[in-house]
C-alpha cells in the first residue's frame, strides 16, 4: 500500500490510489502501528503519527506543560530506557518559538537543554530573529518543512500558533496543514501545538492556521489554572475510552520554572468536628456495622435535616422578634398565625384601602 503525499507527486494513479484507500479483511495494516511517546496517568499525551493540541486561556501555563512533555522525551533514554523513541539513542525535539525574543528564548533553550541526554537532541528556532523577514509566510513554510525533513525529530513543538502566522490566508494555512499531514503520514514525527481560546467564550486569536490545526488535531487537551494549580483535561480525541477523571493531570510551577505534579486538592469539608460527632451518635448504634457508602448517606441525610431545622428555627425567631406572628396551640401542636396587632392603619392592604369612586359619587 502506498500513501500519497499532498505536496509531492506520486507514481500511483487515481485508480490505484482509490483501491489503496479502501480497508478490507485482506488489507495488510501491520505497518500502521502507533507507539506512545509520553503517557500520563494511563492517557497517551504524545504519540507517533499524531498531532496534539493544547488550548485554554492565555494564562493557563500551556507553555510550561509543553516544556514538561518535551523534557520527558529529551531525558527518555537516561530516565526511562523502555520509553525511548530510538533504542540506539535518545529522542530528538524541534522547538519553534513564535512569540519571544532571543533573550527569553535563550532561557527557554537552557531550561530544556539541561535535561537533554545529548546536545544534538534539542534544536531550537527563534523566529523573532528574522525581523522583517518574519512576515514572509511562504518562506517560513518552506524552511520549516525542510528543517523537519533534515532533522527527522520525534517531536515538533510550535509555541504558539497564535503568533506563528496569525494573518496568513487560507492558502498558506492549508499548505502548512498539508505539510503536517505529510510528515505524520510518512515519518515517526509527532506534533505539539499550542493555541489559545478555542473552547471559551472569548474568540480564538489563532487565525486560519489555528482554526484548521485545531479541527485536524488527533488529541485536544484543555488547560485551566486556578490558584496557581493548572489542570490538564482530555476534551477531544478519536479514542475517548480513558475516563476523563483518570486522565487528569494537575501541576504547579516550581522554582525551576517547570511543572511539578500535585495531587488532587481536597475540598473543604462542610461538617465541623462537633457537628459530625453528634451526627455519628444519632445515626449509629453501638457495635452496629455499616459500609462507607451507607455511612456517607446517613450522615449526609442527617446533616441536611439539621440544616433545614436550623433555617426553620431562625425564620420563626426572626418573625417572632418582629411581632409578625404569634403561636397558637392546635391539637397539642404549636402553629403560628398572623399577629393582628401588628397591622398599621397606614399600611395599604385590602382592609384599609378606601373604596373606589363610582360615577354617582363623582356627579354628586
Protein backbone atom coordinates (compact mmCIF):
# COMPACT_ATOMS: atom_id res chain seq x y z
CA UNK A 1 0.00 0.00 0.00
CA UNK A 2 1.37 3.40 -1.00
CA UNK A 3 0.28 6.52 0.86
CA UNK A 4 0.16 9.53 -1.43
CA UNK A 5 1.75 12.84 -0.47
CA UNK A 6 -0.20 16.06 -0.52
CA UNK A 7 2.72 18.16 -1.77
CA UNK A 8 4.87 15.63 -3.66
CA UNK A 9 3.69 13.97 -6.87
CA UNK A 10 3.42 10.20 -6.62
CA UNK A 11 3.66 7.49 -9.23
CA UNK A 12 0.39 5.87 -8.23
CA UNK A 13 -2.53 6.67 -10.49
CA UNK A 14 -6.03 7.62 -9.45
CA UNK A 15 -7.44 4.11 -9.82
CA UNK A 16 -4.61 2.52 -7.83
CA UNK A 17 -4.83 5.19 -5.13
CA UNK A 18 -8.57 4.67 -4.85
CA UNK A 19 -8.02 0.97 -4.28
CA UNK A 20 -5.34 1.65 -1.66
CA UNK A 21 -7.61 3.84 0.46
CA UNK A 22 -10.09 1.01 0.98
CA UNK A 23 -9.55 -1.21 4.02
CA UNK A 24 -10.88 -4.76 3.81
CA UNK A 25 -10.22 -8.05 5.56
CA UNK A 26 -7.47 -8.72 3.02
CA UNK A 27 -5.66 -5.43 3.67
CA UNK A 28 -2.34 -5.66 5.49
CA UNK A 29 -2.42 -2.98 8.20
CA UNK A 30 0.52 -4.30 10.22
CA UNK A 31 2.72 -1.38 9.18
CA UNK A 32 0.32 1.21 10.61
CA UNK A 33 1.40 0.99 14.24
CA UNK A 34 1.45 3.86 16.71
CA UNK A 35 3.74 3.97 19.74
CA UNK A 36 3.10 6.34 22.64
CA UNK A 37 5.84 8.86 23.37
CA UNK A 38 4.60 10.35 26.64
CA UNK A 39 1.88 8.82 28.83
CA UNK A 40 0.43 10.40 31.98
CA UNK A 41 -2.00 8.52 34.25
CA UNK A 42 -2.60 5.95 31.55
CA UNK A 43 -3.52 8.59 28.96
CA UNK A 44 -1.14 8.94 25.99
CA UNK A 45 -0.39 12.65 25.55
CA UNK A 46 2.09 12.39 22.68
CA UNK A 47 2.02 9.60 20.09
CA UNK A 48 3.83 8.90 16.87
CA UNK A 49 1.96 9.98 13.72
CA UNK A 50 -0.35 12.10 15.92
CA UNK A 51 -1.00 15.79 16.44
CA UNK A 52 -1.63 17.03 20.00
CA UNK A 53 -3.22 20.43 20.58
CA UNK A 54 -3.12 22.35 23.87
CA UNK A 55 -5.64 25.13 24.44
CA UNK A 56 -7.01 27.31 27.21
CA UNK A 57 -6.80 30.92 28.33
CA UNK A 58 -3.62 32.90 27.78
CA UNK A 59 -2.73 32.37 31.46
CA UNK A 60 -3.22 28.59 31.52
CA UNK A 61 0.53 27.71 31.57
CA UNK A 62 0.32 25.65 28.37
CA UNK A 63 3.88 26.73 27.59
CA UNK A 64 5.14 25.13 30.80
CA UNK A 65 3.22 21.92 30.18
CA UNK A 66 4.73 21.72 26.69
CA UNK A 67 8.19 22.03 28.28
CA UNK A 68 7.26 19.22 30.64
CA UNK A 69 6.35 16.94 27.72
CA UNK A 70 9.45 17.86 25.74
CA UNK A 71 11.68 17.15 28.74
CA UNK A 72 10.11 13.70 29.09
CA UNK A 73 11.38 12.91 25.61
CA UNK A 74 14.76 14.60 25.91
CA UNK A 75 15.54 12.61 29.06
CA UNK A 76 13.86 9.40 27.92
CA UNK A 77 16.98 7.28 27.48
CA UNK A 78 18.56 8.14 30.81
CA UNK A 79 15.43 8.02 32.99
CA UNK A 80 13.18 5.55 31.17
CA UNK A 81 15.01 3.29 28.70
CA UNK A 82 11.82 1.42 27.81
CA UNK A 83 10.17 4.64 26.72
CA UNK A 84 12.96 5.79 24.44
CA UNK A 85 11.93 6.83 20.98
CA UNK A 86 15.01 5.29 19.42
CA UNK A 87 16.60 2.23 21.04
CA UNK A 88 20.01 3.31 19.72
CA UNK A 89 19.71 6.87 21.02
CA UNK A 90 17.52 9.40 22.76
CA UNK A 91 14.60 11.37 21.37
CA UNK A 92 15.01 14.48 19.27
CA UNK A 93 12.87 17.57 19.80
CA UNK A 94 12.45 20.55 17.48
CA UNK A 95 11.08 23.56 19.37
CA UNK A 96 9.80 26.53 17.32
CA UNK A 97 9.21 29.68 19.35
CA UNK A 98 6.97 32.20 17.58
CA UNK A 99 6.50 34.76 20.35
CA UNK A 100 9.56 35.54 22.47
CA UNK A 101 12.71 37.44 21.65
CA UNK A 102 16.19 35.90 21.58
CA UNK A 103 16.94 36.70 25.24
CA UNK A 104 13.84 34.88 26.54
CA UNK A 105 14.36 32.07 24.02
CA UNK A 106 17.90 31.60 25.32
CA UNK A 107 16.50 30.97 28.80
CA UNK A 108 13.95 28.51 27.45
CA UNK A 109 16.65 26.71 25.49
CA UNK A 110 18.83 26.33 28.58
CA UNK A 111 15.87 25.00 30.61
CA UNK A 112 15.23 22.31 28.00
CA UNK A 113 18.86 21.54 27.18
CA UNK A 114 19.65 20.92 30.84
CA UNK A 115 17.52 17.76 30.66
CA UNK A 116 18.68 16.53 27.25
CA UNK A 117 20.69 13.33 27.07
CA UNK A 118 22.72 14.69 24.17
CA UNK A 119 23.30 18.24 22.99
CA UNK A 120 22.19 17.34 19.49
CA UNK A 121 18.79 16.12 20.67
CA UNK A 122 17.37 19.65 21.02
CA UNK A 123 17.04 22.02 18.09
CA UNK A 124 15.58 25.45 18.90
CA UNK A 125 14.20 28.04 16.44
CA UNK A 126 13.58 31.66 17.46
CA UNK A 127 11.52 33.25 14.69
CA UNK A 128 11.83 36.72 16.22
CA UNK A 129 15.42 36.91 14.95
CA UNK A 130 14.06 37.05 11.39
CA UNK A 131 12.94 40.64 11.93
CA UNK A 132 11.25 41.97 8.81
CA UNK A 133 11.53 38.60 7.11
CA UNK A 134 9.16 37.30 9.77
CA UNK A 135 6.21 38.26 7.55
CA UNK A 136 7.35 36.07 4.65
CA UNK A 137 4.99 33.22 5.48
CA UNK A 138 5.80 31.37 2.27
CA UNK A 139 9.48 31.17 3.23
CA UNK A 140 8.59 30.13 6.80
CA UNK A 141 6.53 27.27 5.44
CA UNK A 142 9.29 26.18 3.08
CA UNK A 143 12.14 26.40 5.62
CA UNK A 144 10.10 24.71 8.36
CA UNK A 145 9.31 21.75 6.14
CA UNK A 146 12.94 21.42 5.02
CA UNK A 147 14.23 21.61 8.61
CA UNK A 148 11.87 18.89 9.83
CA UNK A 149 12.83 16.59 6.96
CA UNK A 150 16.54 17.14 7.65
CA UNK A 151 16.40 16.67 11.43
CA UNK A 152 13.76 13.91 11.50
CA UNK A 153 12.75 14.83 15.08
CA UNK A 154 10.50 12.70 17.22
CA UNK A 155 8.54 15.77 18.32
CA UNK A 156 7.92 19.20 16.81
CA UNK A 157 6.62 21.85 19.21
CA UNK A 158 5.16 25.15 17.95
CA UNK A 159 4.75 27.66 20.79
CA UNK A 160 2.43 29.17 19.88
CA UNK A 161 0.12 29.05 16.86
CA UNK A 162 -1.39 32.45 17.76
CA UNK A 163 1.84 34.16 16.67
CA UNK A 164 3.12 31.69 14.08
CA UNK A 165 1.31 33.05 11.01
CA UNK A 166 -1.73 34.80 12.50
CA UNK A 167 -2.61 36.86 9.43
CA UNK A 168 -1.98 34.26 6.75
CA UNK A 169 -4.71 33.40 4.32
CA UNK A 170 -6.48 30.13 3.74
CA UNK A 171 -3.98 29.06 1.07
CA UNK A 172 -0.93 29.36 3.35
CA UNK A 173 -2.78 27.77 6.28
CA UNK A 174 -3.89 24.85 4.12
CA UNK A 175 -0.35 24.45 2.80
CA UNK A 176 1.09 24.19 6.34
CA UNK A 177 -1.62 21.74 7.41
CA UNK A 178 -0.69 19.54 4.45
CA UNK A 179 2.96 19.71 5.48
CA UNK A 180 1.95 18.44 8.91
CA UNK A 181 -0.17 15.68 7.40
CA UNK A 182 2.61 14.53 5.03
CA UNK A 183 5.12 14.38 7.89
CA UNK A 184 2.83 12.48 10.25
CA UNK A 185 1.85 10.03 7.49
CA UNK A 186 5.37 9.30 6.24
CA UNK A 187 7.59 9.63 9.31
CA UNK A 188 7.62 8.83 13.03
CA UNK A 189 7.32 12.52 13.97
CA UNK A 190 4.62 13.83 16.33
CA UNK A 191 3.45 17.44 16.60
CA UNK A 192 2.52 19.50 19.65
CA UNK A 193 0.73 22.81 19.04
CA UNK A 194 -0.35 25.49 21.50
CA UNK A 195 -3.31 27.71 20.61
CA UNK A 196 -5.47 29.75 22.95
CA UNK A 197 -9.19 30.45 23.44
CA UNK A 198 -10.59 27.66 21.29
CA UNK A 199 -13.08 26.46 23.93
CA UNK A 200 -14.04 29.52 25.97
CA UNK A 201 -16.37 32.41 25.24
CA UNK A 202 -13.51 34.58 24.03
CA UNK A 203 -12.84 34.29 20.31
CA UNK A 204 -9.69 32.47 19.27
CA UNK A 205 -6.82 34.63 18.00
CA UNK A 206 -5.02 31.85 16.13
CA UNK A 207 -6.37 32.84 12.72
CA UNK A 208 -6.95 30.46 9.84
CA UNK A 209 -3.96 28.29 10.73
CA UNK A 210 -5.11 27.66 14.28
CA UNK A 211 -8.66 27.02 13.14
CA UNK A 212 -7.58 24.28 10.72
CA UNK A 213 -4.98 22.71 13.02
CA UNK A 214 -7.41 22.60 15.96
CA UNK A 215 -10.04 20.77 13.92
CA UNK A 216 -7.49 18.34 12.45
CA UNK A 217 -5.70 17.56 15.75
CA UNK A 218 -5.76 13.95 16.91
CA UNK A 219 -5.91 14.82 20.62
CA UNK A 220 -7.05 18.09 22.19
CA UNK A 221 -6.23 18.91 25.82
CA UNK A 222 -7.71 21.81 27.77
CA UNK A 223 -5.69 23.58 30.46
CA UNK A 224 -7.16 25.74 33.21
CA UNK A 225 -5.29 27.48 36.02
CA UNK A 226 -6.83 28.35 39.38
CA UNK A 227 -4.86 29.45 42.43
CA UNK A 228 -1.51 28.50 40.88
CA UNK A 229 -2.70 24.95 40.10
CA UNK A 230 -3.09 24.02 36.44
CA UNK A 231 -5.31 21.09 35.46
CA UNK A 232 -4.97 19.29 32.13
CA UNK A 233 -8.04 17.52 30.73
CA UNK A 234 -8.63 15.50 27.60
CA UNK A 235 -11.54 17.17 25.78
CA UNK A 236 -11.47 15.59 22.33
CA UNK A 237 -9.84 12.59 20.69
CA UNK A 238 -10.65 9.76 18.33
CA UNK A 239 -10.11 7.50 21.36
CA UNK A 240 -12.15 8.59 24.38
CA UNK A 241 -12.02 5.22 26.13
CA UNK A 242 -9.98 6.63 29.01
CA UNK A 243 -12.22 8.10 31.70
CA UNK A 244 -11.73 11.90 31.89
CA UNK A 245 -11.33 11.77 35.66
CA UNK A 246 -8.49 9.27 35.27
CA UNK A 247 -6.66 11.35 32.68
CA UNK A 248 -6.49 14.47 34.85
CA UNK A 249 -3.05 15.91 35.46
CA UNK A 250 -2.52 18.81 37.86
CA UNK A 251 0.70 20.68 38.38
CA UNK A 252 2.22 23.81 39.87
CA UNK A 253 5.22 25.77 38.65
CA UNK A 254 8.30 25.13 40.82
CA UNK A 255 11.35 27.24 41.50
CA UNK A 256 12.98 25.74 38.39
CA UNK A 257 10.17 27.26 36.24
CA UNK A 258 8.99 23.76 35.32
CA UNK A 259 5.76 21.90 36.15
CA UNK A 260 5.60 19.66 39.21
CA UNK A 261 2.67 17.27 39.60
CA UNK A 262 0.38 17.79 42.56
CA UNK A 263 -2.31 15.54 43.96
CA UNK A 264 -5.99 16.31 43.89
CA UNK A 265 -6.86 19.28 46.07
CA UNK A 266 -9.26 18.09 48.77
CA UNK A 267 -12.43 20.07 49.09
CA UNK A 268 -13.12 21.73 52.39
CA UNK A 269 -15.49 19.66 54.49
CA UNK A 270 -18.88 21.21 55.23
CA UNK A 271 -19.28 19.46 58.60
CA UNK A 272 -17.26 20.60 61.60
CA UNK A 273 -15.94 18.12 64.14
CA UNK A 274 -18.53 18.86 66.82
CA UNK A 275 -21.47 18.51 64.44
CA UNK A 276 -20.07 15.30 62.96
CA UNK A 277 -19.67 13.80 66.42
CA UNK A 278 -23.32 14.47 67.22
CA UNK A 279 -24.49 13.10 63.87
CA UNK A 280 -22.49 9.88 64.24
CA UNK A 281 -24.03 9.29 67.67
CA UNK A 282 -27.50 9.86 66.24
CA UNK A 283 -27.31 7.62 63.18
CA UNK A 284 -25.25 4.71 64.53
CA UNK A 285 -25.92 2.23 67.30
CA UNK A 286 -23.12 0.70 69.41
CA UNK A 287 -21.40 -2.19 67.58
CA UNK A 288 -23.52 -1.55 64.50
CA UNK A 289 -21.59 -2.43 61.28
CA UNK A 290 -22.05 -0.06 58.36
CA UNK A 291 -20.48 0.26 54.94
CA UNK A 292 -18.73 3.51 53.96
CA UNK A 293 -21.42 4.31 51.37
CA UNK A 294 -24.23 3.76 53.89
CA UNK A 295 -22.42 5.87 56.47
CA UNK A 296 -22.00 8.69 53.96
CA UNK A 297 -25.69 8.53 53.02
CA UNK A 298 -26.89 8.55 56.62
CA UNK A 299 -24.55 11.35 57.68
CA UNK A 300 -25.48 13.46 54.65
CA UNK A 301 -29.21 12.94 55.24
CA UNK A 302 -28.93 13.79 58.94
CA UNK A 303 -26.81 16.85 58.22
CA UNK A 304 -29.38 18.04 55.68
CA UNK A 305 -32.15 17.63 58.27
CA UNK A 306 -30.20 19.62 60.84
CA UNK A 307 -29.58 22.43 58.37
CA UNK A 308 -33.24 22.52 57.42
CA UNK A 309 -34.29 22.63 61.08
CA UNK A 310 -31.79 25.41 61.78
CA UNK A 311 -33.13 27.53 58.93
CA UNK A 312 -36.70 26.96 60.16
CA UNK A 313 -35.82 27.96 63.73
CA UNK A 314 -34.03 31.10 62.52
CA UNK A 315 -37.03 32.13 60.43
CA UNK A 316 -39.52 31.63 63.30
CA UNK A 317 -37.28 33.51 65.72
CA UNK A 318 -36.97 36.46 63.35
CA UNK A 319 -40.73 36.60 62.71
CA UNK A 320 -41.49 36.47 66.48
CA UNK A 321 -38.92 39.18 67.17
CA UNK A 322 -40.61 41.47 64.64
CA UNK A 323 -44.00 40.65 66.23
CA UNK A 324 -45.29 39.46 62.86
CA UNK A 325 -46.71 36.16 64.11
CA UNK A 326 -47.77 34.64 67.41
CA UNK A 327 -48.00 30.97 68.43
CA UNK A 328 -51.30 29.10 68.87
CA UNK A 329 -51.92 25.58 70.13
CA UNK A 330 -53.93 23.32 67.80
CA UNK A 331 -54.47 19.72 68.90
CA UNK A 332 -51.40 19.83 71.10
CA UNK A 333 -49.13 21.13 68.33
CA UNK A 334 -47.70 24.62 68.03
CA UNK A 335 -48.79 26.58 64.98
CA UNK A 336 -48.31 30.22 64.06
CA UNK A 337 -50.74 32.80 62.80
CA UNK A 338 -50.57 36.44 61.75
CA UNK A 339 -50.49 38.88 64.66
CA UNK A 340 -53.43 41.32 64.20
CA UNK A 341 -51.85 43.92 66.48
CA UNK A 342 -49.01 44.25 64.01
CA UNK A 343 -51.30 45.74 61.36
CA UNK A 344 -50.98 49.52 60.96
CA UNK A 345 -53.78 51.74 59.59
CA UNK A 346 -51.21 53.37 57.31
CA UNK A 347 -50.49 50.10 55.57
CA UNK A 348 -52.30 49.72 52.27
CA UNK A 349 -53.99 46.35 52.38
CA UNK A 350 -57.46 45.16 51.35
CA UNK A 351 -58.84 46.03 54.83
CA UNK A 352 -57.70 49.67 54.88
CA UNK A 353 -57.87 50.77 51.25
CA UNK A 354 -60.67 53.33 50.57
CA UNK A 355 -63.46 52.27 48.22
CA UNK A 356 -63.09 53.12 44.54
CA UNK A 357 -65.04 56.21 43.49
CA UNK A 358 -68.20 55.49 41.49
CA UNK A 359 -69.81 57.55 38.74
CA UNK A 360 -72.75 58.53 41.02
CA UNK A 361 -70.47 59.90 43.76
CA UNK A 362 -68.49 61.81 41.15
CA UNK A 363 -71.69 63.55 39.86
CA UNK A 364 -72.78 64.50 43.40
